[in-house]
Amino acid sequence: MGKRKRLDKLEKVVEILTVLKMPKLKSQVMQACNLSTSGATFYLEWLVRCGLLDVDKRVGEAFKVNRMVYRTSSKGLDFLKKYGELLSFMNVCSKNEKYILVAK
């Protein structure tokens, strides 16, 4: 797997976790993150297995019977926080990049 493909996957994971801070159905995730059915299935199942998403079955007027509702877990929120910290760190480093390049 190439670097760009891994970055795309990480970016998609961050996008999904961000969208799912509020509970949503799979179809809503597909629309918000521009995913196909198979893509949404892959990411949602994988993120649930990793513990980054929680899933609930909802029954009621707002949800059809036995619809799966996904939301970012506390572990997923922690992941987003650490990802944000990493981006902040990288922004600081990129501002000092001219000094790093001279030092080599």
Protein backbone atom coordinates (compact mmCIF):
# COMPACT_ATOMS: atom_id res chain seq x y z
CA MET A 1 0.00 0.00 0.00
CA GLY A 2 1.45 3.37 -1.01
CA LYS A 3 1.88 6.38 1.25
CA ARG A 4 -0.98 8.32 -0.36
CA LYS A 5 -3.38 5.40 0.02
CA ARG A 6 -2.53 5.09 3.74
CA LEU A 7 -2.99 8.84 4.20
CA ASP A 8 -6.33 8.71 2.38
CA LYS A 9 -7.46 5.91 4.70
CA LEU A 10 -6.38 7.83 7.82
CA GLU A 11 -8.11 10.97 6.55
CA LYS A 12 -11.30 8.97 5.90
CA VAL A 13 -11.15 7.48 9.42
CA VAL A 14 -10.81 10.97 10.92
CA GLU A 15 -13.70 12.22 8.76
CA ILE A 16 -15.97 9.35 9.85
CA LEU A 17 -15.10 9.75 13.53
CA THR A 18 -15.77 13.49 13.29
CA VAL A 19 -19.12 13.00 11.54
CA LEU A 20 -20.16 10.40 14.10
CA LYS A 21 -19.71 12.62 17.13
CA MET A 22 -23.49 12.76 16.79
CA PRO A 23 -25.22 9.35 16.29
CA LYS A 24 -26.07 8.55 12.67
CA LEU A 25 -27.34 5.76 10.48
CA LYS A 26 -25.06 4.06 7.95
CA SER A 27 -26.82 5.84 5.07
CA GLN A 28 -26.16 9.21 6.72
CA VAL A 29 -22.47 8.34 7.12
CA MET A 30 -22.33 7.29 3.46
CA GLN A 31 -23.76 10.62 2.36
CA ALA A 32 -21.70 12.80 4.72
CA CYS A 33 -18.40 11.04 3.93
CA ASN A 34 -19.05 10.27 0.26
CA LEU A 35 -18.73 6.50 0.74
CA SER A 36 -20.18 3.61 -1.23
CA THR A 37 -22.13 0.90 0.57
CA SER A 38 -19.12 -1.41 0.56
CA GLY A 39 -16.78 1.39 1.67
CA ALA A 40 -19.08 2.37 4.53
CA THR A 41 -19.46 -1.26 5.58
CA PHE A 42 -15.68 -1.76 5.55
CA TYR A 43 -14.89 1.36 7.61
CA LEU A 44 -17.78 1.06 10.07
CA GLU A 45 -17.14 -2.61 10.84
CA TRP A 46 -13.39 -2.01 11.16
CA LEU A 47 -13.82 1.03 13.43
CA VAL A 48 -16.28 -0.89 15.63
CA ARG A 49 -13.78 -3.79 15.93
CA CYS A 50 -11.05 -1.28 16.86
CA GLY A 51 -13.30 0.18 19.55
CA LEU A 52 -13.37 3.64 17.94
CA LEU A 53 -17.13 3.46 17.25
CA ASP A 54 -20.09 2.32 19.31
CA VAL A 55 -23.14 0.83 17.64
CA ASP A 56 -26.70 0.65 18.95
CA LYS A 57 -29.88 -0.87 17.57
CA ARG A 58 -32.69 1.67 17.62
CA VAL A 59 -36.39 1.13 17.36
CA GLY A 60 -38.80 4.02 17.25
CA GLU A 61 -40.47 6.64 15.12
CA ALA A 62 -37.22 8.30 14.09
CA PHE A 63 -35.56 4.99 13.21
CA LYS A 64 -36.82 2.00 11.32
CA VAL A 65 -36.94 -1.29 13.22
CA ASN A 66 -33.48 -2.70 14.05
CA ARG A 67 -31.52 0.09 12.37
CA MET A 68 -27.90 0.30 13.46
CA VAL A 69 -26.90 3.70 14.79
CA TYR A 70 -23.20 4.53 14.97
CA ARG A 71 -21.40 7.07 17.13
CA THR A 72 -17.82 7.83 18.05
CA SER A 73 -16.79 6.04 21.24
CA SER A 74 -14.74 7.61 24.03
CA LYS A 75 -11.70 5.83 22.57
CA GLY A 76 -12.54 7.37 19.18
CA LEU A 77 -12.83 10.84 20.72
CA ASP A 78 -9.44 10.33 22.35
CA PHE A 79 -8.04 9.31 18.95
CA LEU A 80 -9.40 12.54 17.40
CA LYS A 81 -7.89 14.60 20.20
CA LYS A 82 -4.46 13.00 19.74
CA TYR A 83 -4.72 13.36 15.97
CA GLY A 84 -5.43 17.07 16.43
CA GLU A 85 -2.43 17.39 18.73
CA LEU A 86 -0.25 15.68 16.14
CA LEU A 87 -1.45 18.06 13.43
CA SER A 88 -0.70 21.03 15.69
CA PHE A 89 2.77 19.66 16.32
CA MET A 90 3.34 19.15 12.60
CA ASN A 91 2.23 22.75 11.89
CA VAL A 92 4.78 24.06 14.39
CA CYS A 93 7.47 21.88 12.82
CA SER A 94 6.62 23.01 9.29
CA LYS A 95 6.98 26.66 10.37
CA ASN A 96 10.51 25.83 11.52
CA GLU A 97 11.24 23.70 8.44
CA LYS A 98 13.81 26.12 6.94
CA TYR A 99 15.97 25.67 10.04
CA ILE A 100 15.69 21.88 9.85
CA LEU A 101 16.72 21.85 6.19
CA VAL A 102 19.77 24.05 6.88
CA ALA A 103 20.88 21.83 9.77
CA LYS A 104 21.13 18.75 7.53
